[in-house]
Amino acid sequence: PSADGAALPEPPAESPPLAPGGAPPTPGNEPPRPGPGPRPDPRPEVTDVEVEAYELWVRDVYESISCYVRLGDEAPRLYEFDALGDLYWDIADALSGENSVRILHDDTTPLSISVECWGSNAGAEPVLLGQIAASHPPGEWDGRDLYATSGAFSVRYRICLHSCDESDLPAPLLAPVTLGPIGEGPYTLGWQWRGDEAAIDGFGLVVSARDDISVIDIPDAGMRSLDVADYRPACGETVYFQLYAYQDDGAVRSPMSNTQYWPGDVCAYTARVTFMTLDVHDPPEDEGHARTPGPIYGEFWVANGTARETLTFDGCWCYFGPGMTFWGWCEGLNLQQGVYAIQRDIFGWIEREQASCIGQGCASYSYEAPFTSSLVVSFEDGEDITVGGRIMDCDARANYNDLLYEEQETVLLNIGAMPRLSDPILRTLNGDYVDLEYFIRLGR
């Protein structure tokens, strides 16, 4: 069944025998009757054959995989497999070792194998991945690795006359990687081997991650585990292991073992958000009917769902002391229509004002500006971040401060959709009087 309970289609039925063509025979043109001669043996010699499968790979990601497997004249059998990462499925647990399939078959005719696989995702009908039809003559029943593919999936298996355990070099069986009592090591890969230790020189461990494949030589026939801490996967990466036994310094090898995988932790990526410009357009009237809003103060922020980072700035100073009217006086950074670079024209203006007059007697003494216009937050692939800004126009006493700008948006960060991780993502948050332009650069 599929992930949401949808039933898989029934296995393909046998095609009925074709009806003979032509008109029925009439007297005088009946087909010739067979003459005397040796009769075929109605009971061909049969022998026991064992089939083991070790690896199932699919091209696309599915939540569940089911396959109909038919060996020779046997009825199709339905198997469901557990995932080994995104594209590999644990066919070895269902079809090797004590779960291998043993059948009786004519020892003079090829053994036919057919496989039909379906992929399922929740809420969708199962998808036919394809069909494999293979035929293996008795000469290939020696335990060698066999491969078959449909394009959308592929399998690795072997056929053994009588028993795969009777092979001089049976395939090892890998156990999952153990991570230690609290998940921080020791990291150990163990295996079983049912052959004669005296017949081999050691084992070869194939380690693959991304496009890198290496082989570790284990020149000890008695070893049954290995410290694999040096091959600990990076975040977002999966490391795959396969093992074979060898003799004569590697000239003769056993079939490959099953595949074990070690998934890395989910990657914690970083998003650096840089606030670039303020584009002031059609500014509203301020005190005295001037279209120069300000002095201004405000903040820019980035949030990842669990944390919020903020840049706060203040370019406003108001005086209500002696010598002033009841209304007081405010001065500082006013905006006009045009484009302002946030780092240079907003934060930089505040810093220059502070540097030009030092002390509590200076209006700039109360100003505030960050040294950078960037914020950094962490995220996991496929998560959202929220980016926003707010700018206020501070006014004199008895006149409420005006909201000049306040906008925010949510941005989905999908690493798989990025051509390159370092490519900047340029965004604009439009307001009634101000447009905020910023960009996001992702990293690890």
Protein backbone atom coordinates (compact mmCIF):
# COMPACT_ATOMS: atom_id res chain seq x y z
CA PRO A 1 0.00 0.00 0.00
CA SER A 2 1.02 3.60 -0.51
CA ALA A 3 1.81 6.08 2.29
CA ASP A 4 -1.84 7.21 2.48
CA GLY A 5 -3.35 3.74 2.21
CA ALA A 6 -3.88 3.64 -1.56
CA ALA A 7 -3.59 0.09 -2.82
CA LEU A 8 -0.93 -0.88 -5.29
CA PRO A 9 -2.05 -2.37 -8.61
CA GLU A 10 -2.19 -6.12 -8.87
CA PRO A 11 0.89 -7.78 -10.39
CA PRO A 12 0.70 -8.29 -14.15
CA ALA A 13 -1.15 -11.46 -15.11
CA GLU A 14 0.24 -14.09 -17.41
CA SER A 15 -0.66 -13.54 -21.06
CA PRO A 16 -3.13 -16.25 -22.31
CA PRO A 17 -1.89 -18.60 -25.01
CA LEU A 18 -2.43 -17.27 -28.46
CA ALA A 19 -5.29 -18.85 -30.41
CA PRO A 20 -4.14 -20.75 -33.49
CA GLY A 21 -4.77 -18.87 -36.69
CA GLY A 22 -6.28 -20.06 -39.97
CA ALA A 23 -9.37 -22.11 -40.79
CA PRO A 24 -10.16 -25.34 -38.95
CA PRO A 25 -8.71 -28.43 -40.57
CA THR A 26 -10.84 -30.25 -43.13
CA PRO A 27 -10.60 -33.86 -44.21
CA GLY A 28 -7.53 -34.32 -46.33
CA ASN A 29 -5.55 -31.34 -45.00
CA GLU A 30 -5.16 -32.33 -41.36
CA PRO A 31 -1.76 -31.42 -39.85
CA PRO A 32 0.70 -34.32 -39.90
CA ARG A 33 0.72 -36.53 -36.85
CA PRO A 34 4.02 -36.89 -35.01
CA GLY A 35 5.76 -40.13 -35.84
CA PRO A 36 7.54 -42.43 -33.45
CA GLY A 37 10.59 -41.02 -31.73
CA PRO A 38 12.05 -40.18 -28.31
CA ARG A 39 9.65 -38.43 -26.00
CA PRO A 40 10.81 -35.42 -23.98
CA ASP A 41 11.33 -36.07 -20.31
CA PRO A 42 8.22 -34.65 -18.65
CA ARG A 43 10.14 -34.17 -15.41
CA PRO A 44 13.35 -32.16 -16.02
CA GLU A 45 16.08 -32.33 -13.45
CA VAL A 46 15.66 -29.52 -10.89
CA THR A 47 18.01 -28.14 -8.31
CA ASP A 48 17.77 -25.69 -5.47
CA VAL A 49 18.84 -22.12 -6.18
CA GLU A 50 19.23 -19.22 -3.73
CA VAL A 51 18.70 -15.57 -4.72
CA GLU A 52 19.92 -12.67 -2.58
CA ALA A 53 19.48 -8.93 -3.27
CA TYR A 54 21.68 -6.25 -1.74
CA GLU A 55 20.94 -2.84 -3.18
CA LEU A 56 17.96 -0.89 -4.53
CA TRP A 57 18.48 2.61 -5.92
CA VAL A 58 15.76 4.91 -7.25
CA ARG A 59 16.19 8.07 -9.31
CA ASP A 60 13.65 10.24 -7.44
CA VAL A 61 12.66 10.72 -3.79
CA TYR A 62 9.61 8.83 -2.47
CA GLU A 63 8.15 8.21 0.97
CA SER A 64 7.73 4.48 0.35
CA ILE A 65 8.82 1.91 -2.23
CA SER A 66 7.11 -1.41 -3.00
CA CYS A 67 8.19 -4.02 -5.53
CA TYR A 68 6.72 -7.18 -7.04
CA VAL A 69 9.48 -9.76 -7.51
CA ARG A 70 9.04 -12.92 -9.58
CA LEU A 71 11.66 -15.67 -9.80
CA GLY A 72 11.27 -18.29 -12.50
CA ASP A 73 7.80 -19.86 -12.44
CA GLU A 74 7.13 -18.75 -8.87
CA ALA A 75 4.19 -16.47 -8.12
CA PRO A 76 5.08 -12.76 -7.73
CA ARG A 77 5.93 -11.68 -4.19
CA LEU A 78 5.29 -8.16 -2.86
CA TYR A 79 8.02 -6.48 -0.78
CA GLU A 80 8.10 -3.11 0.99
CA PHE A 81 11.44 -1.58 1.92
CA ASP A 82 12.82 0.88 4.47
CA ALA A 83 14.71 3.94 3.29
CA LEU A 84 18.52 4.20 3.41
CA GLY A 85 18.76 7.94 2.77
CA ASP A 86 16.84 9.66 -0.01
CA LEU A 87 17.58 7.37 -2.97
CA TYR A 88 18.71 4.03 -1.48
CA TRP A 89 16.32 1.46 0.00
CA ASP A 90 17.05 -1.48 2.32
CA ILE A 91 16.37 -4.40 -0.01
CA ALA A 92 19.08 -6.42 1.77
CA ASP A 93 17.05 -6.76 4.97
CA ALA A 94 14.13 -8.28 3.04
CA LEU A 95 16.01 -10.35 0.45
CA SER A 96 19.37 -11.52 1.84
CA GLY A 97 20.79 -13.66 4.63
CA GLU A 98 18.04 -15.53 6.44
CA ASN A 99 15.46 -13.74 4.26
CA SER A 100 16.93 -14.80 0.93
CA VAL A 101 14.66 -16.67 -1.51
CA ARG A 102 15.27 -20.36 -2.26
CA ILE A 103 13.50 -22.02 -5.18
CA LEU A 104 13.71 -25.20 -7.27
CA HIS A 105 14.61 -24.66 -10.91
CA ASP A 106 15.60 -26.67 -13.97
CA ASP A 107 19.40 -26.74 -13.91
CA THR A 108 19.62 -26.60 -17.71
CA THR A 109 17.51 -23.49 -18.41
CA PRO A 110 18.11 -19.83 -17.53
CA LEU A 111 16.44 -18.41 -14.43
CA SER A 112 14.18 -15.48 -15.28
CA ILE A 113 13.84 -12.60 -12.81
CA SER A 114 11.26 -9.84 -13.14
CA VAL A 115 10.87 -6.84 -10.85
CA GLU A 116 8.17 -4.16 -10.93
CA CYS A 117 8.53 -1.25 -8.50
CA TRP A 118 6.14 1.50 -7.38
CA GLY A 119 6.90 4.72 -5.53
CA SER A 120 4.40 6.40 -3.22
CA ASN A 121 4.01 9.78 -1.54
CA ALA A 122 1.28 10.76 0.92
CA GLY A 123 -1.84 12.06 -0.78
CA ALA A 124 -0.85 10.83 -4.25
CA GLU A 125 -1.45 7.69 -6.28
CA PRO A 126 1.47 5.22 -6.48
CA VAL A 127 3.80 5.83 -9.43
CA LEU A 128 5.10 2.99 -11.58
CA LEU A 129 8.89 3.28 -11.60
CA GLY A 130 9.38 0.67 -14.28
CA GLN A 131 9.93 -3.02 -14.84
CA ILE A 132 13.03 -5.19 -15.05
CA ALA A 133 13.13 -8.51 -16.90
CA ALA A 134 16.41 -10.46 -16.75
CA SER A 135 17.45 -13.99 -17.65
CA HIS A 136 20.51 -15.71 -16.14
CA PRO A 137 21.91 -19.00 -17.46
CA PRO A 138 23.27 -21.59 -15.00
CA GLY A 139 26.80 -20.32 -15.61
CA GLU A 140 25.89 -17.13 -13.73
CA TRP A 141 24.63 -18.95 -10.63
CA ASP A 142 28.05 -18.72 -9.00
CA GLY A 143 27.37 -15.85 -6.56
CA ARG A 144 28.78 -13.08 -8.77
CA ASP A 145 27.33 -9.55 -8.50
CA LEU A 146 24.51 -9.02 -10.99
CA TYR A 147 22.98 -5.67 -11.91
CA ALA A 148 19.74 -4.73 -13.62
CA THR A 149 18.14 -1.36 -14.25
CA SER A 150 14.91 0.10 -15.58
CA GLY A 151 16.22 3.66 -15.84
CA ALA A 152 14.14 4.86 -12.86
CA PHE A 153 15.55 2.25 -10.47
CA SER A 154 18.29 -0.35 -10.35
CA VAL A 155 19.03 -3.44 -8.25
CA ARG A 156 22.11 -5.44 -7.32
CA TYR A 157 21.70 -9.14 -6.53
CA ARG A 158 23.27 -12.56 -6.96
CA ILE A 159 22.19 -16.14 -7.70
CA CYS A 160 23.84 -19.12 -6.02
CA LEU A 161 23.58 -22.79 -6.94
CA HIS A 162 22.32 -24.60 -3.83
CA SER A 163 23.38 -21.94 -1.29
CA CYS A 164 25.23 -18.65 -1.20
CA ASP A 165 26.71 -19.80 2.14
CA GLU A 166 28.56 -22.56 0.33
CA SER A 167 30.56 -20.11 -1.76
CA ASP A 168 34.30 -20.05 -1.06
CA LEU A 169 33.98 -16.26 -0.72
CA PRO A 170 30.48 -15.38 0.48
CA ALA A 171 29.48 -11.73 0.70
CA PRO A 172 29.97 -10.08 4.10
CA LEU A 173 26.97 -8.65 5.94
CA LEU A 174 27.37 -5.09 7.27
CA ALA A 175 25.64 -3.87 10.44
CA PRO A 176 24.57 -0.23 10.90
CA VAL A 177 27.12 2.24 12.24
CA THR A 178 26.99 2.53 16.04
CA LEU A 179 27.40 6.05 17.43
CA GLY A 180 28.32 5.37 21.04
CA PRO A 181 26.24 5.62 24.23
CA ILE A 182 25.33 9.29 23.79
CA GLY A 183 25.79 9.67 20.05
CA GLU A 184 29.26 11.20 20.28
CA GLY A 185 31.39 8.14 19.55
CA PRO A 186 33.07 5.82 19.33
CA TYR A 187 31.78 5.45 15.75
CA THR A 188 32.03 1.77 14.80
CA LEU A 189 31.10 -0.20 11.70
CA GLY A 190 30.72 -3.95 12.31
CA TRP A 191 30.13 -6.93 10.02
CA GLN A 192 29.64 -10.68 9.82
CA TRP A 193 31.35 -13.08 7.45
CA ARG A 194 30.32 -16.73 7.15
CA GLY A 195 33.30 -17.98 5.17
CA ASP A 196 36.61 -19.61 6.07
CA GLU A 197 39.02 -17.00 7.50
CA ALA A 198 41.97 -19.11 6.36
CA ALA A 199 40.85 -18.67 2.74
CA ILE A 200 41.09 -14.86 2.70
CA ASP A 201 43.71 -12.18 3.28
CA GLY A 202 41.35 -9.47 4.55
CA PHE A 203 38.56 -7.12 3.60
CA GLY A 204 38.11 -4.03 1.47
CA LEU A 205 35.73 -1.33 2.70
CA VAL A 206 34.29 0.94 -0.01
CA VAL A 207 33.35 4.38 1.34
CA SER A 208 31.40 6.75 -0.88
CA ALA A 209 30.16 10.27 -0.18
CA ARG A 210 28.90 12.65 -2.87
CA ASP A 211 31.28 12.09 -5.82
CA ASP A 212 34.19 10.79 -3.71
CA ILE A 213 34.84 7.03 -3.48
CA SER A 214 37.70 5.48 -1.51
CA VAL A 215 38.67 1.94 -0.50
CA ILE A 216 40.07 1.11 2.94
CA ASP A 217 42.29 -1.96 3.04
CA ILE A 218 41.73 -4.16 6.12
CA PRO A 219 44.51 -6.80 5.90
CA ASP A 220 43.18 -8.89 8.79
CA ALA A 221 40.81 -11.79 8.07
CA GLY A 222 39.74 -11.90 11.73
CA MET A 223 38.58 -8.29 12.01
CA ARG A 224 34.84 -7.75 12.45
CA SER A 225 34.65 -4.01 13.17
CA LEU A 226 36.36 -0.76 12.25
CA ASP A 227 36.52 2.73 13.75
CA VAL A 228 35.03 5.01 11.08
CA ALA A 229 35.30 8.35 12.93
CA ASP A 230 37.47 9.72 10.12
CA TYR A 231 34.55 9.25 7.72
CA ARG A 232 31.93 11.03 9.79
CA PRO A 233 29.60 12.75 7.32
CA ALA A 234 29.38 16.51 7.05
CA CYS A 235 26.01 18.16 7.60
CA GLY A 236 23.55 17.38 4.82
CA GLU A 237 25.78 14.55 3.58
CA THR A 238 25.30 10.77 3.67
CA VAL A 239 28.23 8.34 3.68
CA TYR A 240 27.66 4.83 2.23
CA PHE A 241 29.66 1.72 3.13
CA GLN A 242 30.10 -1.62 1.30
CA LEU A 243 32.47 -4.44 2.17
CA TYR A 244 34.05 -7.35 0.31
CA ALA A 245 36.42 -10.13 1.31
CA TYR A 246 39.52 -10.75 -0.79
CA GLN A 247 42.33 -13.24 -1.33
CA ASP A 248 45.58 -13.22 -3.32
CA ASP A 249 46.16 -9.54 -2.46
CA GLY A 250 42.84 -8.53 -3.98
CA ALA A 251 43.04 -10.55 -7.18
CA VAL A 252 39.98 -12.54 -6.07
CA ARG A 253 37.06 -10.82 -4.35
CA SER A 254 33.77 -11.87 -2.85
CA PRO A 255 30.53 -10.25 -3.94
CA MET A 256 29.82 -6.90 -2.32
CA SER A 257 28.00 -6.80 0.99
CA ASN A 258 24.77 -5.00 1.59
CA THR A 259 24.97 -1.19 1.76
CA GLN A 260 24.92 0.63 5.09
CA TYR A 261 24.57 4.38 5.31
CA TRP A 262 25.50 7.07 7.84
CA PRO A 263 23.49 10.29 7.46
CA GLY A 264 24.98 13.54 8.69
CA ASP A 265 23.18 16.11 10.79
CA VAL A 266 20.84 18.59 9.19
CA CYS A 267 22.86 21.54 7.96
CA ALA A 268 22.59 24.80 9.87
CA TYR A 269 23.10 27.38 7.15
CA THR A 270 23.53 31.10 7.69
CA ALA A 271 21.75 33.97 5.98
CA ARG A 272 23.56 37.31 5.97
CA VAL A 273 21.05 40.06 5.26
CA THR A 274 22.56 43.39 4.17
CA PHE A 275 20.30 46.45 4.16
CA MET A 276 21.41 48.54 1.19
CA THR A 277 19.30 51.59 0.35
CA LEU A 278 16.27 53.67 1.25
CA ASP A 279 14.50 55.09 -1.79
CA VAL A 280 12.41 58.04 -0.55
CA HIS A 281 9.60 59.00 -2.95
CA ASP A 282 6.67 61.41 -2.56
CA PRO A 283 7.54 62.13 1.09
CA PRO A 284 4.64 63.34 3.24
CA GLU A 285 4.36 66.81 4.69
CA ASP A 286 6.04 67.23 8.05
CA GLU A 287 5.92 70.10 10.54
CA GLY A 288 5.81 73.44 8.75
CA HIS A 289 4.41 71.68 5.66
CA ALA A 290 7.91 70.75 4.53
CA ARG A 291 8.27 67.45 2.68
CA THR A 292 11.43 66.55 4.59
CA PRO A 293 10.40 63.98 7.17
CA GLY A 294 12.60 63.70 10.20
CA PRO A 295 14.63 63.70 12.25
CA ILE A 296 14.43 59.94 11.94
CA TYR A 297 15.09 56.90 14.09
CA GLY A 298 14.20 53.27 13.58
CA GLU A 299 15.33 49.68 13.18
CA PHE A 300 15.87 46.88 10.69
CA TRP A 301 15.43 43.25 11.66
CA VAL A 302 15.76 39.60 10.60
CA ALA A 303 13.99 36.70 12.36
CA ASN A 304 14.29 32.94 11.82
CA GLY A 305 11.32 31.74 13.87
CA THR A 306 13.25 31.28 17.12
CA ALA A 307 15.46 34.36 17.26
CA ARG A 308 15.33 37.97 16.08
CA GLU A 309 18.36 40.12 15.27
CA THR A 310 17.99 43.92 15.11
CA LEU A 311 19.90 46.99 13.90
CA THR A 312 18.76 50.10 15.81
CA PHE A 313 19.61 53.65 14.78
CA ASP A 314 18.69 57.09 16.11
CA GLY A 315 19.42 60.38 14.34
CA CYS A 316 17.05 62.51 16.39
CA TRP A 317 17.68 64.96 19.24
CA CYS A 318 14.98 67.06 20.87
CA TYR A 319 15.41 69.90 23.36
CA PHE A 320 12.67 71.03 25.75
CA GLY A 321 14.80 72.94 28.30
CA PRO A 322 15.11 76.56 29.33
CA GLY A 323 14.92 79.16 26.60
CA MET A 324 12.58 77.07 24.49
CA THR A 325 8.88 77.42 23.92
CA PHE A 326 6.46 74.83 25.21
CA TRP A 327 6.80 72.94 21.94
CA GLY A 328 10.55 72.44 22.19
CA TRP A 329 12.87 71.77 19.30
CA CYS A 330 14.05 68.66 17.40
CA GLU A 331 16.97 68.37 15.03
CA GLY A 332 18.95 65.61 13.35
CA LEU A 333 18.77 63.58 10.15
CA ASN A 334 15.96 64.63 7.83
CA LEU A 335 15.16 62.88 4.58
CA GLN A 336 14.39 64.36 1.19
CA GLN A 337 13.26 62.68 -1.97
CA GLY A 338 16.09 60.51 -3.29
CA VAL A 339 18.09 57.35 -2.66
CA TYR A 340 20.10 56.92 0.55
CA ALA A 341 22.78 54.28 1.05
CA ILE A 342 22.02 52.96 4.54
CA GLN A 343 25.63 52.32 5.57
CA ARG A 344 27.02 55.57 4.15
CA ASP A 345 24.18 58.10 4.25
CA ILE A 346 22.26 56.98 7.35
CA PHE A 347 24.61 55.17 9.73
CA GLY A 348 27.65 57.03 8.36
CA TRP A 349 25.97 60.45 8.76
CA ILE A 350 25.28 59.67 12.42
CA GLU A 351 28.88 58.56 13.01
CA ARG A 352 30.26 61.70 11.35
CA GLU A 353 28.02 63.93 13.46
CA GLN A 354 29.18 62.16 16.61
CA ALA A 355 32.81 62.60 15.62
CA SER A 356 32.39 66.34 14.88
CA CYS A 357 31.13 67.21 18.36
CA ILE A 358 32.08 65.25 21.46
CA GLY A 359 30.40 65.59 24.84
CA GLN A 360 27.04 65.87 26.47
CA GLY A 361 26.54 69.37 25.16
CA CYS A 362 26.33 68.09 21.59
CA ALA A 363 23.08 67.17 19.94
CA SER A 364 24.81 64.13 18.46
CA TYR A 365 25.59 62.83 21.95
CA SER A 366 22.23 61.01 21.94
CA TYR A 367 22.58 59.68 18.40
CA GLU A 368 23.04 55.97 17.83
CA ALA A 369 24.15 53.90 14.83
CA PRO A 370 25.46 50.33 14.36
CA PHE A 371 28.85 49.84 12.75
CA THR A 372 27.38 47.52 10.08
CA SER A 373 24.25 47.31 7.98
CA SER A 374 24.22 43.48 7.98
CA LEU A 375 22.59 40.87 10.22
CA VAL A 376 23.26 37.13 10.32
CA VAL A 377 20.78 34.39 11.33
CA SER A 378 20.95 30.61 11.08
CA PHE A 379 18.40 28.44 9.31
CA GLU A 380 17.84 24.95 7.97
CA ASP A 381 17.21 24.20 4.32
CA GLY A 382 13.58 24.87 3.43
CA GLU A 383 12.93 27.23 6.35
CA ASP A 384 11.63 30.82 6.23
CA ILE A 385 13.19 34.00 7.51
CA THR A 386 11.40 37.31 8.06
CA VAL A 387 13.02 40.60 7.04
CA GLY A 388 11.63 44.01 7.92
CA GLY A 389 12.21 47.63 8.76
CA ARG A 390 10.59 50.54 10.62
CA ILE A 391 11.40 54.26 10.37
CA MET A 392 9.90 56.92 12.62
CA ASP A 393 9.81 60.72 12.27
CA CYS A 394 10.33 62.28 15.69
CA ASP A 395 8.45 65.49 16.38
CA ALA A 396 8.37 68.22 19.03
CA ARG A 397 6.36 68.09 22.21
CA ALA A 398 2.57 67.61 21.95
CA ASN A 399 2.96 66.29 18.40
CA TYR A 400 2.97 62.52 18.07
CA ASN A 401 5.91 60.93 16.29
CA ASP A 402 4.94 59.88 12.77
CA LEU A 403 5.35 56.43 11.25
CA LEU A 404 7.17 56.95 7.98
CA TYR A 405 7.80 53.33 7.03
CA GLU A 406 7.04 49.86 8.37
CA GLU A 407 7.15 46.76 6.17
CA GLN A 408 8.26 43.15 6.46
CA GLU A 409 8.18 39.98 4.35
CA THR A 410 8.82 36.25 4.71
CA VAL A 411 11.43 34.67 2.44
CA LEU A 412 11.67 30.90 1.81
CA LEU A 413 15.30 29.75 1.68
CA ASN A 414 15.59 26.66 -0.53
CA ILE A 415 19.20 25.58 -0.97
CA GLY A 416 18.35 23.13 -3.75
CA ALA A 417 16.93 25.92 -5.91
CA MET A 418 20.13 27.98 -5.70
CA PRO A 419 22.54 27.66 -8.67
CA ARG A 420 25.36 28.56 -6.26
CA LEU A 421 25.12 28.97 -2.51
CA SER A 422 27.02 32.28 -2.61
CA ASP A 423 24.74 33.96 -5.17
CA PRO A 424 23.09 37.03 -3.58
CA ILE A 425 19.30 37.21 -3.39
CA LEU A 426 18.21 40.81 -4.10
CA ARG A 427 14.90 41.94 -2.58
CA THR A 428 12.89 45.18 -2.23
CA LEU A 429 10.29 46.00 0.43
CA ASN A 430 8.03 48.72 -0.96
CA GLY A 431 6.26 51.24 1.29
CA ASP A 432 4.03 54.26 0.71
CA TYR A 433 6.90 56.75 0.96
CA VAL A 434 10.05 54.60 1.26
CA ASP A 435 11.32 51.46 -0.50
CA LEU A 436 13.87 49.36 1.39
CA GLU A 437 16.34 47.41 -0.75
CA TYR A 438 18.38 44.58 0.75
CA PHE A 439 20.08 41.35 -0.30
CA ILE A 440 20.60 37.93 1.29
CA ARG A 441 23.79 35.91 0.96
CA LEU A 442 23.74 32.30 2.17
CA GLY A 443 26.59 30.35 3.68
CA ARG A 444 27.54 27.60 6.12
